Protein backbone atom coordinates (compact mmCIF):
# COMPACT_ATOMS: atom_id res chain seq x y z
CA UNK A 1 195.56 228.30 55.40
CA UNK A 2 195.98 230.19 58.66
CA UNK A 3 196.03 228.58 62.05
CA UNK A 4 193.65 231.25 63.32
CA UNK A 5 191.27 233.82 61.85
CA UNK A 6 190.02 236.55 64.15
CA UNK A 7 186.97 238.58 63.14
CA UNK A 8 187.12 241.95 64.88
CA UNK A 9 190.15 243.99 65.92
CA UNK A 10 188.96 245.41 69.24
CA UNK A 11 190.49 244.47 72.62
CA UNK A 12 189.33 240.84 72.57
CA UNK A 13 190.30 240.33 68.95
CA UNK A 14 193.66 242.04 68.89
CA UNK A 15 194.63 240.51 72.25
CA UNK A 16 193.96 237.06 70.78
CA UNK A 17 195.93 237.91 67.65
CA UNK A 18 198.89 239.21 69.66
CA UNK A 19 198.89 236.38 72.18
CA UNK A 20 198.98 233.75 69.43
CA UNK A 21 202.65 234.52 68.77
CA UNK A 22 203.48 232.68 71.99
CA UNK A 23 202.46 229.47 70.23
CA UNK A 24 203.79 230.32 66.74
CA UNK A 25 200.28 230.41 65.29
CA UNK A 26 199.73 232.11 61.93
CA UNK A 27 196.96 234.70 62.32
CA UNK A 28 194.67 236.71 60.05
CA UNK A 29 192.93 239.59 61.84
CA UNK A 30 189.89 240.91 59.98
CA UNK A 31 188.75 244.42 60.91
CA UNK A 32 186.06 246.51 59.22
CA UNK A 33 187.25 249.85 60.59
CA UNK A 34 190.50 250.35 62.51
CA UNK A 35 192.34 247.97 64.82
CA UNK A 36 191.68 248.94 68.41
CA UNK A 37 187.91 248.83 68.05
CA UNK A 38 185.45 250.80 70.11
CA UNK A 39 187.71 250.96 73.16
CA UNK A 40 190.51 252.78 71.36
CA UNK A 41 188.52 254.90 68.93
CA UNK A 42 185.05 255.49 70.43
CA UNK A 43 185.24 254.37 74.05
CA UNK A 44 187.79 253.88 76.81
CA UNK A 45 190.72 255.89 75.47
CA UNK A 46 188.99 259.03 74.12
CA UNK A 47 186.60 259.09 77.09
CA UNK A 48 189.42 258.97 79.62
CA UNK A 49 191.29 261.65 77.67
CA UNK A 50 188.31 263.98 78.08
CA UNK A 51 188.04 263.01 81.76
CA UNK A 52 191.73 263.82 82.23
CA UNK A 53 191.10 267.27 80.79
CA UNK A 54 188.22 267.72 83.25
CA UNK A 55 190.41 266.62 86.16
CA UNK A 56 193.17 269.01 85.11
CA UNK A 57 190.70 271.87 84.89
CA UNK A 58 189.32 271.24 88.38
CA UNK A 59 192.84 270.96 89.80
CA UNK A 60 193.83 274.30 88.33
CA UNK A 61 190.58 275.84 89.59
CA UNK A 62 191.42 274.75 93.14
CA UNK A 63 195.11 275.70 92.97
CA UNK A 64 194.51 278.62 95.32
CA UNK A 65 193.73 276.14 98.11
CA UNK A 66 197.36 275.02 97.88
CA UNK A 67 198.78 278.53 97.88
CA UNK A 68 199.29 278.54 94.13
CA UNK A 69 197.71 281.71 92.78
CA UNK A 70 196.59 281.64 89.17
CA UNK A 71 193.84 283.01 86.96
CA UNK A 72 190.62 280.99 86.79
CA UNK A 73 191.05 278.33 84.08
CA UNK A 74 189.20 278.51 80.78
CA UNK A 75 188.57 275.54 78.54
CA UNK A 76 189.88 275.49 74.97
CA UNK A 77 187.50 272.82 73.72
CA UNK A 78 189.08 272.38 70.31
CA UNK A 79 192.57 272.04 71.76
CA UNK A 80 191.33 269.42 74.23
CA UNK A 81 189.63 267.61 71.37
CA UNK A 82 192.81 267.69 69.31
CA UNK A 83 194.76 266.26 72.23
CA UNK A 84 192.20 263.47 72.57
CA UNK A 85 192.58 262.69 68.88
CA UNK A 86 196.38 262.69 69.19
CA UNK A 87 196.26 260.23 72.10
CA UNK A 88 194.02 257.92 70.08
CA UNK A 89 196.21 258.22 66.98
CA UNK A 90 199.38 257.47 68.95
CA UNK A 91 197.86 254.35 70.47
CA UNK A 92 196.51 253.23 67.09
CA UNK A 93 199.93 253.63 65.49
CA UNK A 94 201.56 251.68 68.30
CA UNK A 95 199.04 248.84 68.10
CA UNK A 96 199.28 248.61 64.31
CA UNK A 97 203.07 248.41 64.55
CA UNK A 98 202.93 245.76 67.24
CA UNK A 99 200.58 243.58 65.19
CA UNK A 100 202.93 243.87 62.23
CA UNK A 101 205.97 242.95 64.32
CA UNK A 102 204.13 239.91 65.66
CA UNK A 103 203.46 238.73 62.12
CA UNK A 104 199.69 239.21 62.23
CA UNK A 105 198.14 239.73 58.80
CA UNK A 106 195.59 242.53 59.21
CA UNK A 107 192.91 242.30 56.52
CA UNK A 108 190.67 245.34 56.12
CA UNK A 109 187.02 244.60 55.55
CA UNK A 110 183.89 243.17 57.14
CA UNK A 111 184.33 239.51 58.05
CA UNK A 112 181.60 236.93 57.96
CA UNK A 113 181.74 233.17 58.55
CA UNK A 114 180.68 231.29 55.41
CA UNK A 115 181.15 227.93 57.11
CA UNK A 116 183.33 226.68 59.96
CA UNK A 117 186.91 227.35 58.86
CA UNK A 118 186.03 229.79 56.07
CA UNK A 119 185.66 233.56 56.50
CA UNK A 120 184.57 235.91 53.73
CA UNK A 121 185.90 239.46 53.88
CA UNK A 122 183.96 242.25 52.17
CA UNK A 123 186.39 245.09 51.55
CA UNK A 124 183.75 247.29 49.92
CA UNK A 125 183.00 248.25 46.30
CA UNK A 126 182.19 244.63 45.56
CA UNK A 127 185.65 243.39 46.48
CA UNK A 128 185.66 240.20 48.53
CA UNK A 129 188.19 237.57 49.50
CA UNK A 130 188.11 234.35 51.45
CA UNK A 131 190.27 233.48 54.43
CA UNK A 132 190.66 229.83 55.37
CA UNK A 133 191.69 228.99 58.92
CA UNK A 134 191.79 225.97 61.20
CA UNK A 135 190.18 227.94 64.06
CA UNK A 136 188.08 231.09 64.21
CA UNK A 137 187.54 233.65 66.97
CA UNK A 138 184.59 236.03 66.67
CA UNK A 139 185.25 239.32 68.46
CA UNK A 140 182.95 241.79 66.76
CA UNK A 141 182.28 243.98 69.79
CA UNK A 142 179.26 246.12 70.53
CA UNK A 143 177.45 249.35 69.70
CA UNK A 144 175.55 251.88 71.82
CA UNK A 145 171.98 250.88 72.61
CA UNK A 146 169.09 253.26 72.15
CA UNK A 147 165.57 253.21 73.55
CA UNK A 148 162.17 253.63 71.89
CA UNK A 149 161.26 257.25 71.26
CA UNK A 150 164.84 258.47 71.52
CA UNK A 151 165.68 258.57 67.84
CA UNK A 152 169.39 259.22 67.51
CA UNK A 153 170.20 261.96 64.99
CA UNK A 154 173.74 262.75 66.11
CA UNK A 155 172.86 266.32 67.09
CA UNK A 156 169.90 266.62 69.43
CA UNK A 157 169.85 262.98 70.49
CA UNK A 158 173.29 261.37 70.58
CA UNK A 159 175.16 258.33 71.83
CA UNK A 160 178.62 258.20 73.35
CA UNK A 161 180.02 257.77 69.82
CA UNK A 162 178.88 261.30 68.97
CA UNK A 163 179.55 262.83 72.38
CA UNK A 164 183.22 261.89 72.36
CA UNK A 165 183.70 264.03 69.26
CA UNK A 166 181.47 267.03 70.01
CA UNK A 167 182.82 270.09 68.18
CA UNK A 168 181.90 272.34 71.08
CA UNK A 169 180.76 272.03 74.67
CA UNK A 170 176.99 271.54 74.92
CA UNK A 171 175.58 274.08 77.43
CA UNK A 172 172.66 271.90 78.60
CA UNK A 173 172.69 268.11 78.50
CA UNK A 174 170.32 265.37 79.64
CA UNK A 175 172.08 262.04 80.19
CA UNK A 176 169.77 259.02 80.03
CA UNK A 177 171.22 256.17 82.07
CA UNK A 178 173.42 256.41 85.16
CA UNK A 179 175.62 253.39 84.62
CA UNK A 180 179.38 253.80 84.21
CA UNK A 181 179.15 255.62 80.87
CA UNK A 182 176.38 257.96 81.99
CA UNK A 183 177.95 259.05 85.26
CA UNK A 184 181.35 259.57 83.62
CA UNK A 185 179.84 261.95 81.08
CA UNK A 186 177.82 263.68 83.80
CA UNK A 187 180.93 264.19 85.93
CA UNK A 188 183.00 265.46 83.01
CA UNK A 189 180.38 267.83 81.61
CA UNK A 190 179.65 269.30 85.03
CA UNK A 191 183.37 269.98 85.50
CA UNK A 192 183.36 271.76 82.14
CA UNK A 193 180.48 273.99 83.26
CA UNK A 194 177.53 272.40 81.45
CA UNK A 195 174.10 272.13 83.02
CA UNK A 196 173.58 268.40 83.44
CA UNK A 197 170.48 266.35 84.20
CA UNK A 198 171.16 262.67 84.91
CA UNK A 199 168.24 260.22 84.63
CA UNK A 200 168.15 256.63 85.91
CA UNK A 201 165.09 254.42 86.15
CA UNK A 202 166.66 252.33 88.93
CA UNK A 203 166.53 253.62 92.51
CA UNK A 204 170.27 254.41 92.57
CA UNK A 205 172.96 255.57 90.20
CA UNK A 206 175.46 252.85 89.23
CA UNK A 207 172.82 250.10 89.47
CA UNK A 208 174.25 246.83 90.73
CA UNK A 209 177.26 248.41 92.39
CA UNK A 210 177.80 248.95 96.11
CA UNK A 211 174.97 251.13 97.45
CA UNK A 212 177.23 253.04 99.83
CA UNK A 213 179.63 253.87 96.99
CA UNK A 214 176.73 255.02 94.80
CA UNK A 215 175.62 257.37 97.58
CA UNK A 216 179.11 258.87 97.87
CA UNK A 217 179.25 259.49 94.13
CA UNK A 218 175.73 260.89 94.09
CA UNK A 219 176.68 263.45 96.74
CA UNK A 220 179.81 264.39 94.79
CA UNK A 221 177.93 264.79 91.51
CA UNK A 222 175.20 266.82 93.21
CA UNK A 223 177.89 269.09 94.68
CA UNK A 224 179.17 269.67 91.13
CA UNK A 225 175.66 270.78 90.17
CA UNK A 226 174.40 267.65 88.44
CA UNK A 227 170.63 267.29 88.83
CA UNK A 228 170.09 263.59 89.51
CA UNK A 229 166.71 261.97 88.89
CA UNK A 230 166.51 258.34 89.99
CA UNK A 231 163.59 255.96 90.20
CA UNK A 232 161.60 257.69 87.46
CA UNK A 233 161.09 256.86 83.82
CA UNK A 234 161.72 259.78 81.51
CA UNK A 235 159.46 260.27 78.51
CA UNK A 236 160.68 260.58 74.94
CA UNK A 237 161.93 264.09 74.13
CA UNK A 238 159.68 266.62 72.45
CA UNK A 239 161.63 268.65 69.93
CA UNK A 240 161.19 272.39 70.05
CA UNK A 241 162.94 275.47 68.70
CA UNK A 242 165.00 275.78 71.87
CA UNK A 243 165.95 272.12 72.02
CA UNK A 244 164.57 268.80 73.26
CA UNK A 245 162.19 268.92 76.23
CA UNK A 246 162.06 265.96 78.60
CA UNK A 247 159.27 265.08 80.99
CA UNK A 248 159.28 262.84 84.08
CA UNK A 249 157.18 262.55 87.23
CA UNK A 250 155.26 265.73 86.43
CA UNK A 251 158.40 267.79 85.76
CA UNK A 252 159.99 269.04 82.54
CA UNK A 253 163.34 270.40 81.44
CA UNK A 254 164.64 271.80 78.16
CA UNK A 255 168.18 270.95 77.08
CA UNK A 256 170.36 271.36 74.01
CA UNK A 257 171.12 267.70 73.56
CA UNK A 258 170.15 264.31 74.96
CA UNK A 259 172.89 261.73 75.51
CA UNK A 260 171.54 258.17 75.55
CA UNK A 261 173.81 256.01 77.72
CA UNK A 262 171.79 252.88 78.41
CA UNK A 263 174.38 250.22 77.67
CA UNK A 264 175.74 248.47 74.61
CA UNK A 265 174.33 245.85 72.23
CA UNK A 266 176.46 243.05 70.74
CA UNK A 267 177.35 243.09 67.03
CA UNK A 268 176.23 239.61 66.03
CA UNK A 269 173.53 240.19 63.43
CA UNK A 270 175.66 239.66 60.31
CA UNK A 271 178.66 237.64 61.41
CA UNK A 272 177.61 234.29 59.93
CA UNK A 273 177.16 232.51 63.24
CA UNK A 274 173.96 230.99 61.84
CA UNK A 275 176.14 228.92 59.50
CA UNK A 276 177.61 227.19 62.55
CA UNK A 277 176.18 225.25 65.48
CA UNK A 278 176.82 228.18 67.83
CA UNK A 279 173.95 228.84 70.23
CA UNK A 280 172.64 232.30 71.07
CA UNK A 281 171.06 233.94 74.09
CA UNK A 282 169.18 236.76 72.44
CA UNK A 283 171.85 238.73 70.57
CA UNK A 284 174.67 237.28 72.67
CA UNK A 285 176.79 234.22 71.91
CA UNK A 286 176.86 231.34 74.36
CA UNK A 287 180.27 229.79 75.05
CA UNK A 288 181.94 227.23 77.25
CA UNK A 289 183.18 229.50 80.03
CA UNK A 290 186.32 227.42 80.50
CA UNK A 291 187.50 227.72 76.90
CA UNK A 292 185.41 230.46 75.17
CA UNK A 293 184.46 227.88 72.51
CA UNK A 294 180.96 227.98 71.09
CA UNK A 295 178.84 224.89 70.46
CA UNK A 296 180.64 224.69 67.10
CA UNK A 297 184.06 223.07 67.53
CA UNK A 298 186.77 225.42 66.32
CA UNK A 299 184.64 228.56 66.58
CA UNK A 300 185.20 230.77 69.62
CA UNK A 301 183.71 234.06 70.81
CA UNK A 302 185.24 236.71 73.07
CA UNK A 303 184.50 240.23 74.28
CA UNK A 304 181.26 242.17 74.33
CA UNK A 305 179.32 239.60 72.31
CA UNK A 306 179.64 236.84 74.92
CA UNK A 307 176.57 236.05 77.03
CA UNK A 308 176.86 236.60 80.78
CA UNK A 309 180.30 238.21 80.92
CA UNK A 310 181.18 241.86 81.65
CA UNK A 311 181.49 244.20 78.68
CA UNK A 312 184.93 245.46 79.68
CA UNK A 313 188.01 245.81 77.50
CA UNK A 314 190.19 243.97 79.99
CA UNK A 315 187.66 241.14 80.20
CA UNK A 316 187.99 240.89 76.42
CA UNK A 317 191.77 240.71 76.76
CA UNK A 318 191.47 237.83 79.21
CA UNK A 319 188.92 235.98 77.09
CA UNK A 320 191.12 236.31 74.01
CA UNK A 321 194.03 234.81 75.95
CA UNK A 322 191.83 231.98 77.23
CA UNK A 323 190.58 231.16 73.71
CA UNK A 324 194.07 231.14 72.19
CA UNK A 325 195.43 229.02 75.03
CA UNK A 326 192.78 226.40 74.39
CA UNK A 327 193.28 226.55 70.62
CA UNK A 328 197.05 226.10 70.93
CA UNK A 329 197.30 223.63 73.80
CA UNK A 330 193.90 222.04 74.29
CA UNK A 331 194.15 223.08 77.94
CA UNK A 332 191.40 225.17 79.53
CA UNK A 333 192.59 228.35 81.22
CA UNK A 334 189.29 229.93 82.28
CA UNK A 335 188.91 233.59 83.09
CA UNK A 336 188.39 234.26 86.80
CA UNK A 337 185.54 236.73 86.49
CA UNK A 338 185.37 237.14 90.27
CA UNK A 339 188.63 239.03 90.20
CA UNK A 340 188.03 241.35 87.24
CA UNK A 341 188.03 244.96 88.47
CA UNK A 342 185.48 247.52 87.32
CA UNK A 343 186.49 251.17 87.35
CA UNK A 344 184.24 254.21 86.94
CA UNK A 345 186.40 257.23 86.10
CA UNK A 346 184.28 259.91 87.71
CA UNK A 347 185.46 262.45 90.28
CA UNK A 348 185.72 260.76 92.74
CA UNK A 349 186.48 257.44 91.08
CA UNK A 350 184.60 254.27 91.96
CA UNK A 351 186.25 250.86 91.61
CA UNK A 352 185.07 247.40 92.57
CA UNK A 353 186.11 243.77 92.44
CA UNK A 354 184.35 240.63 93.58
CA UNK A 355 181.06 240.70 95.46
CA UNK A 356 179.23 243.61 97.02
CA UNK A 357 177.49 243.06 100.35
CA UNK A 358 174.15 243.17 98.51
CA UNK A 359 175.26 240.44 96.09
CA UNK A 360 176.57 238.33 98.95
CA UNK A 361 173.21 238.59 100.71
CA UNK A 362 171.41 237.52 97.53
CA UNK A 363 173.75 234.53 97.29
CA UNK A 364 173.08 233.59 100.91
CA UNK A 365 176.67 234.27 101.99
CA UNK A 366 177.03 235.73 105.49
CA UNK A 367 179.58 238.51 105.34
CA UNK A 368 181.15 241.28 107.38
CA UNK A 369 181.75 244.74 105.92
CA UNK A 370 184.72 246.84 107.00
CA UNK A 371 185.57 250.31 105.74
CA UNK A 372 187.94 253.20 106.23
CA UNK A 373 187.29 256.77 105.19
CA UNK A 374 189.72 258.76 103.05
CA UNK A 375 188.96 261.66 105.38
CA UNK A 376 191.22 259.87 107.88
CA UNK A 377 194.05 259.33 105.37
CA UNK A 378 196.84 261.90 105.49
CA UNK A 379 197.77 261.68 101.80
CA UNK A 380 194.13 262.27 100.80
CA UNK A 381 194.04 265.37 103.01
CA UNK A 382 197.30 266.58 101.45
CA UNK A 383 195.81 266.17 97.98
CA UNK A 384 192.53 267.77 98.99
CA UNK A 385 190.47 264.71 97.98
CA UNK A 386 188.96 263.19 101.10
CA UNK A 387 185.53 262.06 99.88
CA UNK A 388 184.98 258.33 99.83
CA UNK A 389 185.89 255.09 101.55
CA UNK A 390 187.62 251.77 101.07
CA UNK A 391 185.18 248.93 101.79
CA UNK A 392 186.12 245.26 102.10
CA UNK A 393 183.61 242.39 102.08
CA UNK A 394 184.69 239.32 104.06
CA UNK A 395 182.89 236.02 104.40
CA UNK A 396 182.24 235.47 108.08
CA UNK A 397 185.11 233.31 109.27
CA UNK A 398 186.39 233.07 105.70
CA UNK A 399 188.25 234.87 102.92
CA UNK A 400 187.92 238.29 101.33
CA UNK A 401 184.98 238.18 98.90
CA UNK A 402 185.06 241.65 97.41
CA UNK A 403 185.95 245.29 97.75
CA UNK A 404 184.70 248.67 96.60
CA UNK A 405 186.83 251.78 96.74
CA UNK A 406 185.33 255.22 96.22
CA UNK A 407 187.78 258.09 96.26
CA UNK A 408 191.03 259.40 94.82
CA UNK A 409 192.87 256.98 92.51
CA UNK A 410 190.37 254.23 93.28
CA UNK A 411 191.04 252.68 89.87
CA UNK A 412 194.67 252.13 90.77
CA UNK A 413 194.10 251.07 94.38
CA UNK A 414 191.55 248.36 93.50
CA UNK A 415 194.24 246.11 92.03
CA UNK A 416 195.58 245.32 95.46
CA UNK A 417 192.16 243.91 96.29
CA UNK A 418 192.04 242.13 92.92
CA UNK A 419 194.83 239.88 94.18
CA UNK A 420 193.17 239.43 97.56
CA UNK A 421 189.88 238.35 95.97
CA UNK A 422 191.52 236.24 93.27
CA UNK A 423 193.71 234.37 95.75
CA UNK A 424 190.88 234.11 98.30
CA UNK A 425 193.15 235.68 100.91
CA UNK A 426 192.16 235.62 104.54
CA UNK A 427 191.95 239.09 106.11
CA UNK A 428 194.79 238.23 108.52
CA UNK A 429 197.03 237.29 105.58
CA UNK A 430 196.33 240.46 103.61
CA UNK A 431 196.61 242.66 106.70
CA UNK A 432 200.10 241.41 107.49
CA UNK A 433 201.63 243.48 104.68
CA UNK A 434 202.75 247.05 105.39
CA UNK A 435 201.58 250.11 103.43
CA UNK A 436 203.86 253.11 103.02
CA UNK A 437 202.97 256.29 104.90
CA UNK A 438 201.63 258.67 103.78
CA UNK A 439 199.86 257.05 100.83
CA UNK A 440 196.31 256.67 99.61
CA UNK A 441 196.77 252.90 99.84
CA UNK A 442 196.73 253.19 103.61
CA UNK A 443 192.94 253.35 103.34
CA UNK A 444 193.06 249.78 102.06
CA UNK A 445 195.60 248.72 104.69
CA UNK A 446 193.54 250.17 107.53
CA UNK A 447 190.43 248.42 106.23
CA UNK A 448 192.25 245.10 106.07
CA UNK A 449 193.49 245.53 109.63
CA UNK A 450 189.91 246.13 110.78
CA UNK A 451 188.76 243.06 108.82
CA UNK A 452 191.44 241.02 110.59
CA UNK A 453 190.07 242.17 113.94
CA UNK A 454 192.95 244.41 114.92
CA UNK A 455 192.26 247.94 113.69
CA UNK A 456 194.91 250.63 114.17
CA UNK A 457 193.39 254.09 113.80
């Protein structure tokens, strides 16, 4: 009997399996495909590899601005694809080796709870085995959602799973959904020279994020040539000889492929949760937020399948750690969701942590908003990336509640504000620390000084 059985080897599952070594727990990790899950094989890692290629291409294209004369860059799609695959393979090899060194028994096959403490693993071809464990963590992840009328065929209508492994660059693409996944693909494809139409039924791209940041990104994407259509529902595509034709608000456009990027659905339909007392909220699993335990003692859930938590790999990591901590010690170590950063890897990047001013208003919290433009930051001017701002949300007379950074390296810079939000720092406390000059981080420092009531520049 194992101390712990983990069903699903994505970020939440493998983080739990790895973290268990701190408590000398014996672990069986059941994975139907490859350890690493969607994030490593069909999500975060391959997507950011493609985005890095796009960034490199745009840098080379603008080299003349820096006095570096070169021929206009051309994209070798297959070579970029091979590099993406190599990055994924290297990470997969590293993770597999780490799990082995930590003593985790990786069992290949589809896991399903037969009863609390008993997991059946279907390895295919009628081969099954049973894994008995004192505790179980379900971390089965998610899959791309589709919408009625947009029947995915992998060629003319695709999801991100297909798009990350396109064999050639699609000349004309319609992206349905302007959340993080949609805008990242739109940014990347536009950099590669594709004609891109981006559709979002909400009034702004990046729904739910800071409105000012969304406007900055919208301008940047429009400058790249992305045609952005917000606030209008797009009709199901009509297939023709030239490709799918989309209609919205009296307009039409023909493209080569339609990328559906409307979010992700949890994989909970055949996990065996119905054999337990676990409660569901639609397709999502309800848990005790302090421990990640379901209503069934000894059965936990982490990652994309959990109701009400962000579908982010690093949130899954944290939830896996919280679950294992409770399993091993009985002590609750809840995840502080307020301080989990969200990064959108577009050009420019958008990153956020904590509350936006709009969310604060909805919650009835009176706040002050302070910002500093990258146009006034010397390092940004040196790099030639001055679009965007650092915005800090402060409770009136109180601590820092949130921040949104739009601009160069926003995904790295946001972690400074992660600490400020997580520790509920007062603006005067955060502003007392000195930022090196010239750096991009000065945008954050200047904003904090303004929030403390003593701006410099």
